[in-house]
Amino acid sequence: MKKNMKSFKSGLVGISLALLLAAGIVGCTESGAKKEDNPSALLYLVNAGSFNDVQQVCLTAYIAANSCVGGKEYFNSGNGCSLVKLEGKTKDDLLALRECVLKKVNDPIQPCSLPQFTYGLAQQALAGAFAACNTSYTTTAGTTVDLTSYLVY
């Protein structure tokens, strides 16, 4: 009888943990509407082994940029980091994009990844926080890279 009760309790704990995990994945908002998830992280997890070096740096930049978007329209890493879009771009170009994005995400005064500073749409984030990442950008190493239209939504 004690063994059955022990397995019942461990089964109950397992079910409870599974339900909590499922509730966290669903992530409903206060109004009950389904919260939109950041597609970049999922794309990276699904295809992590099939990306080249340039695409991997691009995806990390998009994941960081999407951390500043709190609405339903995110930066589209599927288009922005595709081989067609990245044709002719080097890893150094994308490292400059990532540096620019991370500079705003990690801003000491208003980091856009905090809920109170996020943008509702990727378009707003591009015009606001990432405006410097959509023009000619000079890296900390002194290299100037034209990042116009690297971030797409």
C-alpha atoms as a PDB file:
ATOM      1  CA  MET A   1       0.000   0.000   0.000  1.00  0.00           C
ATOM      2  CA  LYS A   2       2.871   2.372   0.848  1.00  0.00           C
ATOM      3  CA  LYS A   3       4.491   1.729  -2.526  1.00  0.00           C
ATOM      4  CA  ASN A   4       1.239   2.517  -4.372  1.00  0.00           C
ATOM      5  CA  MET A   5       0.804   5.765  -2.398  1.00  0.00           C
ATOM      6  CA  LYS A   6       4.419   6.771  -3.142  1.00  0.00           C
ATOM      7  CA  SER A   7       4.032   6.152  -6.878  1.00  0.00           C
ATOM      8  CA  PHE A   8       0.690   8.001  -6.794  1.00  0.00           C
ATOM      9  CA  LYS A   9       2.343  11.033  -5.169  1.00  0.00           C
ATOM     10  CA  SER A  10       5.285  11.025  -7.583  1.00  0.00           C
ATOM     11  CA  GLY A  11       2.863  10.702 -10.492  1.00  0.00           C
ATOM     12  CA  LEU A  12       0.843  13.609  -9.135  1.00  0.00           C
ATOM     13  CA  VAL A  13       3.994  15.723  -8.826  1.00  0.00           C
ATOM     14  CA  GLY A  14       4.950  14.828 -12.409  1.00  0.00           C
ATOM     15  CA  ILE A  15       1.531  15.784 -13.736  1.00  0.00           C
ATOM     16  CA  SER A  16       1.618  19.050 -11.783  1.00  0.00           C
ATOM     17  CA  LEU A  17       5.014  19.954 -13.228  1.00  0.00           C
ATOM     18  CA  ALA A  18       3.830  19.103 -16.747  1.00  0.00           C
ATOM     19  CA  LEU A  19       0.780  21.337 -16.315  1.00  0.00           C
ATOM     20  CA  LEU A  20       2.913  24.210 -15.029  1.00  0.00           C
ATOM     21  CA  LEU A  21       5.275  23.821 -17.972  1.00  0.00           C
ATOM     22  CA  ALA A  22       2.363  23.750 -20.419  1.00  0.00           C
ATOM     23  CA  ALA A  23       0.874  26.873 -18.842  1.00  0.00           C
ATOM     24  CA  GLY A  24       4.219  28.643 -19.194  1.00  0.00           C
ATOM     25  CA  ILE A  25       4.495  27.692 -22.857  1.00  0.00           C
ATOM     26  CA  VAL A  26       0.970  28.858 -23.679  1.00  0.00           C
ATOM     27  CA  GLY A  27       1.626  32.192 -21.937  1.00  0.00           C
ATOM     28  CA  CYS A  28      -1.745  33.902 -21.895  1.00  0.00           C
ATOM     29  CA  THR A  29      -1.996  37.601 -21.201  1.00  0.00           C
ATOM     30  CA  GLU A  30      -4.195  39.198 -18.552  1.00  0.00           C
ATOM     31  CA  SER A  31      -7.038  39.687 -21.024  1.00  0.00           C
ATOM     32  CA  GLY A  32      -6.988  36.011 -21.954  1.00  0.00           C
ATOM     33  CA  ALA A  33      -5.710  36.656 -25.477  1.00  0.00           C
ATOM     34  CA  LYS A  34      -2.937  34.408 -26.715  1.00  0.00           C
ATOM     35  CA  LYS A  35       0.435  36.097 -26.447  1.00  0.00           C
ATOM     36  CA  GLU A  36       2.499  36.073 -29.644  1.00  0.00           C
ATOM     37  CA  ASP A  37       5.904  34.441 -29.298  1.00  0.00           C
ATOM     38  CA  ASN A  38       9.205  35.617 -30.667  1.00  0.00           C
ATOM     39  CA  PRO A  39       9.755  33.507 -33.817  1.00  0.00           C
ATOM     40  CA  SER A  40      13.532  34.083 -34.001  1.00  0.00           C
ATOM     41  CA  ALA A  41      14.448  31.933 -31.022  1.00  0.00           C
ATOM     42  CA  LEU A  42      12.270  29.075 -32.290  1.00  0.00           C
ATOM     43  CA  LEU A  43      13.780  29.320 -35.777  1.00  0.00           C
ATOM     44  CA  TYR A  44      17.263  29.187 -34.266  1.00  0.00           C
ATOM     45  CA  LEU A  45      16.467  26.169 -32.099  1.00  0.00           C
ATOM     46  CA  VAL A  46      14.894  24.221 -34.947  1.00  0.00           C
ATOM     47  CA  ASN A  47      17.660  24.896 -37.484  1.00  0.00           C
ATOM     48  CA  ALA A  48      20.732  25.505 -35.295  1.00  0.00           C
ATOM     49  CA  GLY A  49      22.901  22.942 -37.067  1.00  0.00           C
ATOM     50  CA  SER A  50      22.080  24.057 -40.598  1.00  0.00           C
ATOM     51  CA  PHE A  51      23.077  27.734 -40.392  1.00  0.00           C
ATOM     52  CA  ASN A  52      26.418  29.029 -41.612  1.00  0.00           C
ATOM     53  CA  ASP A  53      28.510  31.464 -39.530  1.00  0.00           C
ATOM     54  CA  VAL A  54      26.974  34.588 -41.089  1.00  0.00           C
ATOM     55  CA  GLN A  55      23.434  33.332 -40.501  1.00  0.00           C
ATOM     56  CA  GLN A  56      24.195  32.430 -36.883  1.00  0.00           C
ATOM     57  CA  VAL A  57      25.439  35.945 -36.138  1.00  0.00           C
ATOM     58  CA  CYS A  58      22.410  37.355 -37.968  1.00  0.00           C
ATOM     59  CA  LEU A  59      20.024  35.259 -35.888  1.00  0.00           C
ATOM     60  CA  THR A  60      21.601  36.354 -32.626  1.00  0.00           C
ATOM     61  CA  ALA A  61      21.161  39.973 -33.722  1.00  0.00           C
ATOM     62  CA  TYR A  62      17.497  39.323 -34.577  1.00  0.00           C
ATOM     63  CA  ILE A  63      16.854  37.525 -31.290  1.00  0.00           C
ATOM     64  CA  ALA A  64      18.322  40.483 -29.414  1.00  0.00           C
ATOM     65  CA  ALA A  65      16.311  42.982 -31.504  1.00  0.00           C
ATOM     66  CA  ASN A  66      13.098  41.036 -30.933  1.00  0.00           C
ATOM     67  CA  SER A  67      13.655  41.228 -27.177  1.00  0.00           C
ATOM     68  CA  CYS A  68      12.732  44.919 -27.549  1.00  0.00           C
ATOM     69  CA  VAL A  69       9.412  44.190 -29.272  1.00  0.00           C
ATOM     70  CA  GLY A  70       6.437  43.452 -27.054  1.00  0.00           C
ATOM     71  CA  GLY A  71       3.621  43.372 -29.594  1.00  0.00           C
ATOM     72  CA  LYS A  72       2.597  41.054 -32.393  1.00  0.00           C
ATOM     73  CA  GLU A  73       4.940  42.218 -35.163  1.00  0.00           C
ATOM     74  CA  TYR A  74       8.524  41.037 -34.725  1.00  0.00           C
ATOM     75  CA  PHE A  75      11.629  41.392 -36.846  1.00  0.00           C
ATOM     76  CA  ASN A  76      11.453  38.592 -39.414  1.00  0.00           C
ATOM     77  CA  SER A  77      14.601  36.545 -39.006  1.00  0.00           C
ATOM     78  CA  GLY A  78      13.382  34.035 -41.594  1.00  0.00           C
ATOM     79  CA  ASN A  79      13.626  36.693 -44.297  1.00  0.00           C
ATOM     80  CA  GLY A  80      16.389  38.820 -42.802  1.00  0.00           C
ATOM     81  CA  CYS A  81      18.782  35.928 -42.230  1.00  0.00           C
ATOM     82  CA  SER A  82      18.028  33.975 -45.399  1.00  0.00           C
ATOM     83  CA  LEU A  83      20.904  33.165 -47.722  1.00  0.00           C
ATOM     84  CA  VAL A  84      19.336  35.328 -50.435  1.00  0.00           C
ATOM     85  CA  LYS A  85      19.146  38.380 -48.146  1.00  0.00           C
ATOM     86  CA  LEU A  86      22.664  37.811 -46.779  1.00  0.00           C
ATOM     87  CA  GLU A  87      24.302  37.297 -50.163  1.00  0.00           C
ATOM     88  CA  GLY A  88      27.441  39.422 -50.364  1.00  0.00           C
ATOM     89  CA  LYS A  89      27.420  40.244 -46.646  1.00  0.00           C
ATOM     90  CA  THR A  90      30.317  39.155 -44.461  1.00  0.00           C
ATOM     91  CA  LYS A  91      30.419  37.921 -40.908  1.00  0.00           C
ATOM     92  CA  ASP A  92      32.009  41.260 -39.936  1.00  0.00           C
ATOM     93  CA  ASP A  93      28.993  43.099 -41.402  1.00  0.00           C
ATOM     94  CA  LEU A  94      26.633  41.058 -39.267  1.00  0.00           C
ATOM     95  CA  LEU A  95      28.856  41.430 -36.209  1.00  0.00           C
ATOM     96  CA  ALA A  96      28.461  45.199 -36.675  1.00  0.00           C
ATOM     97  CA  LEU A  97      24.671  44.752 -36.773  1.00  0.00           C
ATOM     98  CA  ARG A  98      24.755  42.643 -33.636  1.00  0.00           C
ATOM     99  CA  GLU A  99      26.977  45.193 -31.871  1.00  0.00           C
ATOM    100  CA  CYS A 100      24.608  48.005 -32.791  1.00  0.00           C
ATOM    101  CA  VAL A 101      21.532  46.089 -31.633  1.00  0.00           C
ATOM    102  CA  LEU A 102      23.133  44.966 -28.376  1.00  0.00           C
ATOM    103  CA  LYS A 103      24.195  48.527 -27.643  1.00  0.00           C
ATOM    104  CA  LYS A 104      20.526  49.546 -27.412  1.00  0.00           C
ATOM    105  CA  VAL A 105      19.339  46.346 -25.756  1.00  0.00           C
ATOM    106  CA  ASN A 106      21.952  46.811 -23.025  1.00  0.00           C
ATOM    107  CA  ASP A 107      21.631  50.592 -22.760  1.00  0.00           C
ATOM    108  CA  PRO A 108      22.411  51.561 -19.156  1.00  0.00           C
ATOM    109  CA  ILE A 109      19.629  54.185 -18.978  1.00  0.00           C
ATOM    110  CA  GLN A 110      16.767  52.787 -21.089  1.00  0.00           C
ATOM    111  CA  PRO A 111      17.411  49.178 -22.117  1.00  0.00           C
ATOM    112  CA  CYS A 112      14.686  48.435 -24.638  1.00  0.00           C
ATOM    113  CA  SER A 113      14.468  44.818 -23.482  1.00  0.00           C
ATOM    114  CA  LEU A 114      12.790  45.891 -20.233  1.00  0.00           C
ATOM    115  CA  PRO A 115       8.977  45.806 -20.403  1.00  0.00           C
ATOM    116  CA  GLN A 116       8.561  49.534 -19.753  1.00  0.00           C
ATOM    117  CA  PHE A 117      10.815  50.402 -22.718  1.00  0.00           C
ATOM    118  CA  THR A 118       9.705  47.810 -25.281  1.00  0.00           C
ATOM    119  CA  TYR A 119       8.006  48.752 -28.530  1.00  0.00           C
ATOM    120  CA  GLY A 120       4.666  47.421 -29.691  1.00  0.00           C
ATOM    121  CA  LEU A 121       5.822  46.757 -33.244  1.00  0.00           C
ATOM    122  CA  ALA A 122       9.137  45.987 -34.922  1.00  0.00           C
ATOM    123  CA  GLN A 123       8.547  48.993 -37.199  1.00  0.00           C
ATOM    124  CA  GLN A 124       8.431  51.281 -34.143  1.00  0.00           C
ATOM    125  CA  ALA A 125      11.548  49.677 -32.676  1.00  0.00           C
ATOM    126  CA  LEU A 126      13.399  50.182 -35.960  1.00  0.00           C
ATOM    127  CA  ALA A 127      12.427  53.847 -36.086  1.00  0.00           C
ATOM    128  CA  GLY A 128      13.176  54.348 -32.382  1.00  0.00           C
ATOM    129  CA  ALA A 129      15.748  52.207 -30.635  1.00  0.00           C
ATOM    130  CA  PHE A 130      17.398  50.789 -33.732  1.00  0.00           C
ATOM    131  CA  ALA A 131      17.452  53.891 -35.929  1.00  0.00           C
ATOM    132  CA  ALA A 132      21.259  53.896 -35.718  1.00  0.00           C
ATOM    133  CA  CYS A 133      21.221  50.261 -36.887  1.00  0.00           C
ATOM    134  CA  ASN A 134      19.454  51.192 -40.135  1.00  0.00           C
ATOM    135  CA  THR A 135      22.099  53.597 -41.472  1.00  0.00           C
ATOM    136  CA  SER A 136      25.861  53.750 -41.733  1.00  0.00           C
ATOM    137  CA  TYR A 137      27.261  52.509 -38.429  1.00  0.00           C
ATOM    138  CA  THR A 138      30.789  52.781 -37.045  1.00  0.00           C
ATOM    139  CA  THR A 139      31.808  49.872 -34.833  1.00  0.00           C
ATOM    140  CA  THR A 140      33.880  50.160 -31.680  1.00  0.00           C
ATOM    141  CA  ALA A 141      36.832  48.912 -33.760  1.00  0.00           C
ATOM    142  CA  GLY A 142      36.406  51.932 -36.074  1.00  0.00           C
ATOM    143  CA  THR A 143      35.018  50.089 -39.092  1.00  0.00           C
ATOM    144  CA  THR A 144      32.079  51.734 -40.875  1.00  0.00           C
ATOM    145  CA  VAL A 145      29.361  49.415 -42.208  1.00  0.00           C
ATOM    146  CA  ASP A 146      26.182  50.409 -44.052  1.00  0.00           C
ATOM    147  CA  LEU A 147      23.450  48.535 -42.135  1.00  0.00           C
ATOM    148  CA  THR A 148      20.535  49.962 -44.119  1.00  0.00           C
ATOM    149  CA  SER A 149      17.740  47.369 -44.437  1.00  0.00           C
ATOM    150  CA  TYR A 150      19.563  44.644 -42.485  1.00  0.00           C
ATOM    151  CA  LEU A 151      16.710  44.489 -39.959  1.00  0.00           C
ATOM    152  CA  VAL A 152      13.424  43.581 -41.665  1.00  0.00           C
ATOM    153  CA  TYR A 153       9.987  43.056 -40.147  1.00  0.00           C
END
